[in-house]
């Protein structure tokens, strides 16, 4: 369900989804599935997201931006 939803989003929308999760420390099994699908979509789009995680985890400590298929920490936030 989440995979299909994310696959239809623009790059900007996908980054906005990520940034909405920054600072949210709540945890449920549905949120885990949601965030796993978000990470999978990063992989599907061949983003370099090594600044915020890897295939096993993502850090939601900082907001990010996408520059030429590389996700970097947004220092302006």
PDB file of N, CA and C in Angstrom:
ATOM      1  N   UNK A   1       0.832  -1.190   0.000  1.00  0.00           N
ATOM      2  CA  UNK A   1       0.000   0.000   0.000  1.00  0.00           C
ATOM      3  C   UNK A   1       0.880   1.259   0.000  1.00  0.00           C
ATOM      4  N   UNK A   2       1.813   1.359   0.946  1.00  0.00           N
ATOM      5  CA  UNK A   2       2.671   2.541   1.016  1.00  0.00           C
ATOM      6  C   UNK A   2       3.599   2.629  -0.193  1.00  0.00           C
ATOM      7  N   UNK A   3       4.105   1.470  -0.638  1.00  0.00           N
ATOM      8  CA  UNK A   3       5.027   1.455  -1.777  1.00  0.00           C
ATOM      9  C   UNK A   3       4.398   2.103  -2.996  1.00  0.00           C
ATOM     10  N   UNK A   4       3.179   1.730  -3.298  1.00  0.00           N
ATOM     11  CA  UNK A   4       2.490   2.283  -4.460  1.00  0.00           C
ATOM     12  C   UNK A   4       2.242   3.782  -4.277  1.00  0.00           C
ATOM     13  N   UNK A   5       1.879   4.158  -3.078  1.00  0.00           N
ATOM     14  CA  UNK A   5       1.633   5.576  -2.762  1.00  0.00           C
ATOM     15  C   UNK A   5       2.894   6.408  -2.998  1.00  0.00           C
ATOM     16  N   UNK A   6       4.036   5.947  -2.473  1.00  0.00           N
ATOM     17  CA  UNK A   6       5.290   6.679  -2.632  1.00  0.00           C
ATOM     18  C   UNK A   6       5.766   6.693  -4.080  1.00  0.00           C
ATOM     19  N   UNK A   7       5.532   5.620  -4.799  1.00  0.00           N
ATOM     20  CA  UNK A   7       6.017   5.540  -6.187  1.00  0.00           C
ATOM     21  C   UNK A   7       5.349   6.572  -7.092  1.00  0.00           C
ATOM     22  N   UNK A   8       4.187   7.051  -6.704  1.00  0.00           N
ATOM     23  CA  UNK A   8       3.454   8.036  -7.509  1.00  0.00           C
ATOM     24  C   UNK A   8       3.828   9.476  -7.170  1.00  0.00           C
ATOM     25  N   UNK A   9       4.611   9.655  -6.133  1.00  0.00           N
ATOM     26  CA  UNK A   9       4.978  11.005  -5.684  1.00  0.00           C
ATOM     27  C   UNK A   9       6.130  11.565  -6.506  1.00  0.00           C
ATOM     28  N   UNK A  10       6.162  12.887  -6.577  1.00  0.00           N
ATOM     29  CA  UNK A  10       7.312  13.564  -7.179  1.00  0.00           C
ATOM     30  C   UNK A  10       8.471  13.501  -6.188  1.00  0.00           C
ATOM     31  N   UNK A  11       9.665  13.822  -6.659  1.00  0.00           N
ATOM     32  CA  UNK A  11      10.822  13.880  -5.765  1.00  0.00           C
ATOM     33  C   UNK A  11      10.582  14.856  -4.623  1.00  0.00           C
ATOM     34  N   UNK A  12      10.048  16.007  -4.951  1.00  0.00           N
ATOM     35  CA  UNK A  12       9.791  17.030  -3.934  1.00  0.00           C
ATOM     36  C   UNK A  12       8.788  16.528  -2.891  1.00  0.00           C
ATOM     37  N   UNK A  13       7.739  15.874  -3.330  1.00  0.00           N
ATOM     38  CA  UNK A  13       6.741  15.346  -2.397  1.00  0.00           C
ATOM     39  C   UNK A  13       7.354  14.294  -1.477  1.00  0.00           C
ATOM     40  N   UNK A  14       8.200  13.454  -2.027  1.00  0.00           N
ATOM     41  CA  UNK A  14       8.831  12.408  -1.231  1.00  0.00           C
ATOM     42  C   UNK A  14       9.735  13.010  -0.152  1.00  0.00           C
ATOM     43  N   UNK A  15      10.487  14.027  -0.505  1.00  0.00           N
ATOM     44  CA  UNK A  15      11.340  14.704   0.479  1.00  0.00           C
ATOM     45  C   UNK A  15      10.480  15.396   1.537  1.00  0.00           C
ATOM     46  N   UNK A  16       9.367  15.980   1.125  1.00  0.00           N
ATOM     47  CA  UNK A  16       8.448  16.600   2.087  1.00  0.00           C
ATOM     48  C   UNK A  16       7.912  15.569   3.081  1.00  0.00           C
ATOM     49  N   UNK A  17       7.595  14.371   2.599  1.00  0.00           N
ATOM     50  CA  UNK A  17       7.122  13.299   3.481  1.00  0.00           C
ATOM     51  C   UNK A  17       8.192  12.976   4.512  1.00  0.00           C
ATOM     52  N   UNK A  18       9.428  12.814   4.042  1.00  0.00           N
ATOM     53  CA  UNK A  18      10.526  12.546   4.970  1.00  0.00           C
ATOM     54  C   UNK A  18      10.614  13.654   6.013  1.00  0.00           C
ATOM     55  N   UNK A  19      10.627  14.899   5.565  1.00  0.00           N
ATOM     56  CA  UNK A  19      10.817  16.028   6.476  1.00  0.00           C
ATOM     57  C   UNK A  19       9.682  16.157   7.490  1.00  0.00           C
ATOM     58  N   UNK A  20       8.491  15.713   7.149  1.00  0.00           N
ATOM     59  CA  UNK A  20       7.371  15.723   8.097  1.00  0.00           C
ATOM     60  C   UNK A  20       7.591  14.717   9.236  1.00  0.00           C
ATOM     61  N   UNK A  21       8.433  13.735   9.015  1.00  0.00           N
ATOM     62  CA  UNK A  21       8.717  12.721  10.031  1.00  0.00           C
ATOM     63  C   UNK A  21       9.846  13.123  10.972  1.00  0.00           C
ATOM     64  N   UNK A  22      10.604  14.148  10.620  1.00  0.00           N
ATOM     65  CA  UNK A  22      11.728  14.590  11.449  1.00  0.00           C
ATOM     66  C   UNK A  22      11.214  15.034  12.820  1.00  0.00           C
ATOM     67  N   UNK A  23      11.841  14.483  13.848  1.00  0.00           N
ATOM     68  CA  UNK A  23      11.477  14.841  15.216  1.00  0.00           C
ATOM     69  C   UNK A  23      10.322  14.042  15.789  1.00  0.00           C
ATOM     70  N   UNK A  24       9.676  13.212  14.997  1.00  0.00           N
ATOM     71  CA  UNK A  24       8.563  12.396  15.470  1.00  0.00           C
ATOM     72  C   UNK A  24       9.131  11.126  16.097  1.00  0.00           C
ATOM     73  N   UNK A  25       9.019  11.003  17.396  1.00  0.00           N
ATOM     74  CA  UNK A  25       9.610   9.853  18.082  1.00  0.00           C
ATOM     75  C   UNK A  25       8.604   8.739  18.350  1.00  0.00           C
ATOM     76  N   UNK A  26       7.345   8.950  17.990  1.00  0.00           N
ATOM     77  CA  UNK A  26       6.338   7.913  18.192  1.00  0.00           C
ATOM     78  C   UNK A  26       6.629   6.694  17.335  1.00  0.00           C
ATOM     79  N   UNK A  27       6.236   5.519  17.825  1.00  0.00           N
ATOM     80  CA  UNK A  27       6.548   4.304  17.080  1.00  0.00           C
ATOM     81  C   UNK A  27       5.400   3.317  17.168  1.00  0.00           C
ATOM     82  N   UNK A  28       4.951   2.874  16.005  1.00  0.00           N
ATOM     83  CA  UNK A  28       3.953   1.816  15.903  1.00  0.00           C
ATOM     84  C   UNK A  28       4.375   0.901  14.758  1.00  0.00           C
ATOM     85  N   UNK A  29       3.755  -0.242  14.664  1.00  0.00           N
ATOM     86  CA  UNK A  29       4.108  -1.163  13.575  1.00  0.00           C
ATOM     87  C   UNK A  29       3.715  -0.576  12.224  1.00  0.00           C
ATOM     88  N   UNK A  30       2.610   0.166  12.163  1.00  0.00           N
ATOM     89  CA  UNK A  30       2.221   0.772  10.886  1.00  0.00           C
ATOM     90  C   UNK A  30       3.196   1.879  10.490  1.00  0.00           C
ATOM     91  N   UNK A  31       3.709   2.629  11.459  1.00  0.00           N
ATOM     92  CA  UNK A  31       4.704   3.658  11.149  1.00  0.00           C
ATOM     93  C   UNK A  31       5.997   3.010  10.671  1.00  0.00           C
ATOM     94  N   UNK A  32       6.361   1.895  11.273  1.00  0.00           N
ATOM     95  CA  UNK A  32       7.560   1.175  10.845  1.00  0.00           C
ATOM     96  C   UNK A  32       7.425   0.743   9.392  1.00  0.00           C
ATOM     97  N   UNK A  33       6.268   0.238   9.007  1.00  0.00           N
ATOM     98  CA  UNK A  33       6.018  -0.176   7.618  1.00  0.00           C
ATOM     99  C   UNK A  33       6.074   1.025   6.679  1.00  0.00           C
ATOM    100  N   UNK A  34       5.493   2.123   7.112  1.00  0.00           N
ATOM    101  CA  UNK A  34       5.468   3.363   6.341  1.00  0.00           C
ATOM    102  C   UNK A  34       6.891   3.858   6.066  1.00  0.00           C
ATOM    103  N   UNK A  35       7.705   3.902   7.107  1.00  0.00           N
ATOM    104  CA  UNK A  35       9.065   4.411   6.964  1.00  0.00           C
ATOM    105  C   UNK A  35       9.955   3.433   6.189  1.00  0.00           C
ATOM    106  N   UNK A  36       9.707   2.151   6.332  1.00  0.00           N
ATOM    107  CA  UNK A  36      10.452   1.157   5.548  1.00  0.00           C
ATOM    108  C   UNK A  36      10.141   1.332   4.066  1.00  0.00           C
ATOM    109  N   UNK A  37       8.888   1.571   3.746  1.00  0.00           N
ATOM    110  CA  UNK A  37       8.495   1.791   2.346  1.00  0.00           C
ATOM    111  C   UNK A  37       9.108   3.080   1.811  1.00  0.00           C
ATOM    112  N   UNK A  38       9.232   4.083   2.648  1.00  0.00           N
ATOM    113  CA  UNK A  38       9.877   5.333   2.249  1.00  0.00           C
ATOM    114  C   UNK A  38      11.345   5.066   1.900  1.00  0.00           C
ATOM    115  N   UNK A  39      12.039   4.318   2.729  1.00  0.00           N
ATOM    116  CA  UNK A  39      13.424   3.960   2.456  1.00  0.00           C
ATOM    117  C   UNK A  39      13.563   3.143   1.179  1.00  0.00           C
ATOM    118  N   UNK A  40      12.626   2.236   0.947  1.00  0.00           N
ATOM    119  CA  UNK A  40      12.643   1.439  -0.279  1.00  0.00           C
ATOM    120  C   UNK A  40      12.460   2.317  -1.517  1.00  0.00           C
ATOM    121  N   UNK A  41      11.644   3.334  -1.389  1.00  0.00           N
ATOM    122  CA  UNK A  41      11.454   4.243  -2.529  1.00  0.00           C
ATOM    123  C   UNK A  41      12.727   5.044  -2.792  1.00  0.00           C
ATOM    124  N   UNK A  42      13.460   5.409  -1.755  1.00  0.00           N
ATOM    125  CA  UNK A  42      14.763   6.047  -1.956  1.00  0.00           C
ATOM    126  C   UNK A  42      15.663   5.132  -2.773  1.00  0.00           C
ATOM    127  N   UNK A  43      15.653   3.846  -2.438  1.00  0.00           N
ATOM    128  CA  UNK A  43      16.443   2.861  -3.185  1.00  0.00           C
ATOM    129  C   UNK A  43      15.963   2.765  -4.630  1.00  0.00           C
ATOM    130  N   UNK A  44      14.649   2.664  -4.820  1.00  0.00           N
ATOM    131  CA  UNK A  44      14.079   2.533  -6.164  1.00  0.00           C
ATOM    132  C   UNK A  44      14.455   3.696  -7.071  1.00  0.00           C
ATOM    133  N   UNK A  45      14.602   4.862  -6.469  1.00  0.00           N
ATOM    134  CA  UNK A  45      14.947   6.054  -7.251  1.00  0.00           C
ATOM    135  C   UNK A  45      16.457   6.266  -7.338  1.00  0.00           C
ATOM    136  N   UNK A  46      17.208   5.339  -6.809  1.00  0.00           N
ATOM    137  CA  UNK A  46      18.676   5.407  -6.830  1.00  0.00           C
ATOM    138  C   UNK A  46      19.219   6.669  -6.169  1.00  0.00           C
ATOM    139  N   UNK A  47      18.550   7.099  -5.106  1.00  0.00           N
ATOM    140  CA  UNK A  47      19.060   8.216  -4.330  1.00  0.00           C
ATOM    141  C   UNK A  47      20.280   7.749  -3.539  1.00  0.00           C
ATOM    142  N   UNK A  48      21.252   8.624  -3.393  1.00  0.00           N
ATOM    143  CA  UNK A  48      22.337   8.413  -2.447  1.00  0.00           C
ATOM    144  C   UNK A  48      21.864   9.053  -1.144  1.00  0.00           C
ATOM    145  N   UNK A  49      21.522   8.241  -0.177  1.00  0.00           N
ATOM    146  CA  UNK A  49      21.049   8.770   1.099  1.00  0.00           C
ATOM    147  C   UNK A  49      21.986   8.367   2.247  1.00  0.00           C
ATOM    148  N   UNK A  50      23.244   8.151   1.906  1.00  0.00           N
ATOM    149  CA  UNK A  50      24.232   7.714   2.890  1.00  0.00           C
ATOM    150  C   UNK A  50      24.441   8.730   4.017  1.00  0.00           C
ATOM    151  N   UNK A  51      24.095   9.986   3.806  1.00  0.00           N
ATOM    152  CA  UNK A  51      24.229  11.000   4.865  1.00  0.00           C
ATOM    153  C   UNK A  51      23.220  10.800   5.989  1.00  0.00           C
ATOM    154  N   UNK A  52      22.127  10.076   5.705  1.00  0.00           N
ATOM    155  CA  UNK A  52      21.074   9.909   6.709  1.00  0.00           C
ATOM    156  C   UNK A  52      20.761   8.458   7.034  1.00  0.00           C
ATOM    157  N   UNK A  53      21.469   7.524   6.410  1.00  0.00           N
ATOM    158  CA  UNK A  53      21.210   6.127   6.740  1.00  0.00           C
ATOM    159  C   UNK A  53      21.672   5.171   5.678  1.00  0.00           C
ATOM    160  N   UNK A  54      21.120   3.964   5.773  1.00  0.00           N
ATOM    161  CA  UNK A  54      21.441   2.904   4.824  1.00  0.00           C
ATOM    162  C   UNK A  54      20.211   2.018   4.667  1.00  0.00           C
ATOM    163  N   UNK A  55      20.373   0.867   4.039  1.00  0.00           N
ATOM    164  CA  UNK A  55      19.215   0.008   3.792  1.00  0.00           C
ATOM    165  C   UNK A  55      18.584  -0.523   5.073  1.00  0.00           C
ATOM    166  N   UNK A  56      19.290  -0.463   6.180  1.00  0.00           N
ATOM    167  CA  UNK A  56      18.772  -0.961   7.443  1.00  0.00           C
ATOM    168  C   UNK A  56      18.121   0.077   8.334  1.00  0.00           C
ATOM    169  N   UNK A  57      18.415   1.338   8.082  1.00  0.00           N
ATOM    170  CA  UNK A  57      17.855   2.385   8.958  1.00  0.00           C
ATOM    171  C   UNK A  57      17.943   3.752   8.285  1.00  0.00           C
ATOM    172  N   UNK A  58      17.095   4.637   8.752  1.00  0.00           N
ATOM    173  CA  UNK A  58      17.129   6.043   8.341  1.00  0.00           C
ATOM    174  C   UNK A  58      17.133   6.890   9.606  1.00  0.00           C
ATOM    175  N   UNK A  59      17.844   7.993   9.574  1.00  0.00           N
ATOM    176  CA  UNK A  59      17.843   8.936  10.686  1.00  0.00           C
ATOM    177  C   UNK A  59      16.854  10.055  10.375  1.00  0.00           C
ATOM    178  N   UNK A  60      15.962  10.282  11.313  1.00  0.00           N
ATOM    179  CA  UNK A  60      14.984  11.361  11.175  1.00  0.00           C
ATOM    180  C   UNK A  60      15.318  12.503  12.129  1.00  0.00           C
ATOM    181  N   UNK A  61      16.606  12.705  12.349  1.00  0.00           N
ATOM    182  CA  UNK A  61      17.091  13.755  13.245  1.00  0.00           C
ATOM    183  C   UNK A  61      17.051  15.129  12.582  1.00  0.00           C
ATOM    184  N   UNK A  62      17.331  15.173  11.265  1.00  0.00           N
ATOM    185  CA  UNK A  62      17.423  16.440  10.546  1.00  0.00           C
ATOM    186  C   UNK A  62      16.587  16.431   9.275  1.00  0.00           C
ATOM    187  N   UNK A  63      16.100  17.605   8.922  1.00  0.00           N
ATOM    188  CA  UNK A  63      15.424  17.752   7.637  1.00  0.00           C
ATOM    189  C   UNK A  63      16.462  17.648   6.518  1.00  0.00           C
ATOM    190  N   UNK A  64      15.988  17.270   5.352  1.00  0.00           N
ATOM    191  CA  UNK A  64      16.891  17.032   4.229  1.00  0.00           C
ATOM    192  C   UNK A  64      16.411  17.757   2.983  1.00  0.00           C
ATOM    193  N   UNK A  65      17.296  17.749   1.988  1.00  0.00           N
ATOM    194  CA  UNK A  65      16.940  18.220   0.656  1.00  0.00           C
ATOM    195  C   UNK A  65      17.615  17.308  -0.357  1.00  0.00           C
ATOM    196  N   UNK A  66      17.120  17.333  -1.577  1.00  0.00           N
ATOM    197  CA  UNK A  66      17.634  16.478  -2.636  1.00  0.00           C
ATOM    198  C   UNK A  66      18.383  17.330  -3.639  1.00  0.00           C
ATOM    199  N   UNK A  67      19.637  16.995  -3.852  1.00  0.00           N
ATOM    200  CA  UNK A  67      20.483  17.687  -4.818  1.00  0.00           C
ATOM    201  C   UNK A  67      21.069  16.633  -5.755  1.00  0.00           C
ATOM    202  N   UNK A  68      20.651  16.657  -7.017  1.00  0.00           N
ATOM    203  CA  UNK A  68      21.163  15.720  -8.024  1.00  0.00           C
ATOM    204  C   UNK A  68      21.167  14.269  -7.529  1.00  0.00           C
ATOM    205  N   UNK A  69      20.036  13.809  -7.050  1.00  0.00           N
ATOM    206  CA  UNK A  69      19.823  12.438  -6.560  1.00  0.00           C
ATOM    207  C   UNK A  69      20.622  12.095  -5.299  1.00  0.00           C
ATOM    208  N   UNK A  70      21.133  13.101  -4.608  1.00  0.00           N
ATOM    209  CA  UNK A  70      21.789  12.884  -3.314  1.00  0.00           C
ATOM    210  C   UNK A  70      20.978  13.597  -2.240  1.00  0.00           C
ATOM    211  N   UNK A  71      20.601  12.836  -1.235  1.00  0.00           N
ATOM    212  CA  UNK A  71      19.880  13.412  -0.102  1.00  0.00           C
ATOM    213  C   UNK A  71      20.916  13.896   0.899  1.00  0.00           C
ATOM    214  N   UNK A  72      20.825  15.178   1.225  1.00  0.00           N
ATOM    215  CA  UNK A  72      21.763  15.769   2.185  1.00  0.00           C
ATOM    216  C   UNK A  72      20.986  16.474   3.293  1.00  0.00           C
ATOM    217  N   UNK A  73      21.638  16.644   4.434  1.00  0.00           N
ATOM    218  CA  UNK A  73      21.042  17.375   5.525  1.00  0.00           C
ATOM    219  C   UNK A  73      20.859  18.827   5.101  1.00  0.00           C
ATOM    220  N   UNK A  74      19.676  19.349   5.355  1.00  0.00           N
ATOM    221  CA  UNK A  74      19.361  20.732   5.023  1.00  0.00           C
ATOM    222  C   UNK A  74      19.841  21.623   6.171  1.00  0.00           C
ATOM    223  N   UNK A  75      20.979  22.239   5.973  1.00  0.00           N
ATOM    224  CA  UNK A  75      21.599  23.072   7.016  1.00  0.00           C
ATOM    225  C   UNK A  75      20.808  24.338   7.311  1.00  0.00           C
ATOM    226  N   UNK A  76      19.850  24.693   6.481  1.00  0.00           N
ATOM    227  CA  UNK A  76      19.069  25.908   6.701  1.00  0.00           C
ATOM    228  C   UNK A  76      17.947  25.694   7.718  1.00  0.00           C
ATOM    229  N   UNK A  77      17.728  24.439   8.101  1.00  0.00           N
ATOM    230  CA  UNK A  77      16.654  24.140   9.069  1.00  0.00           C
ATOM    231  C   UNK A  77      17.213  23.751  10.398  1.00  0.00           C
TER     232      UNK A  77
END
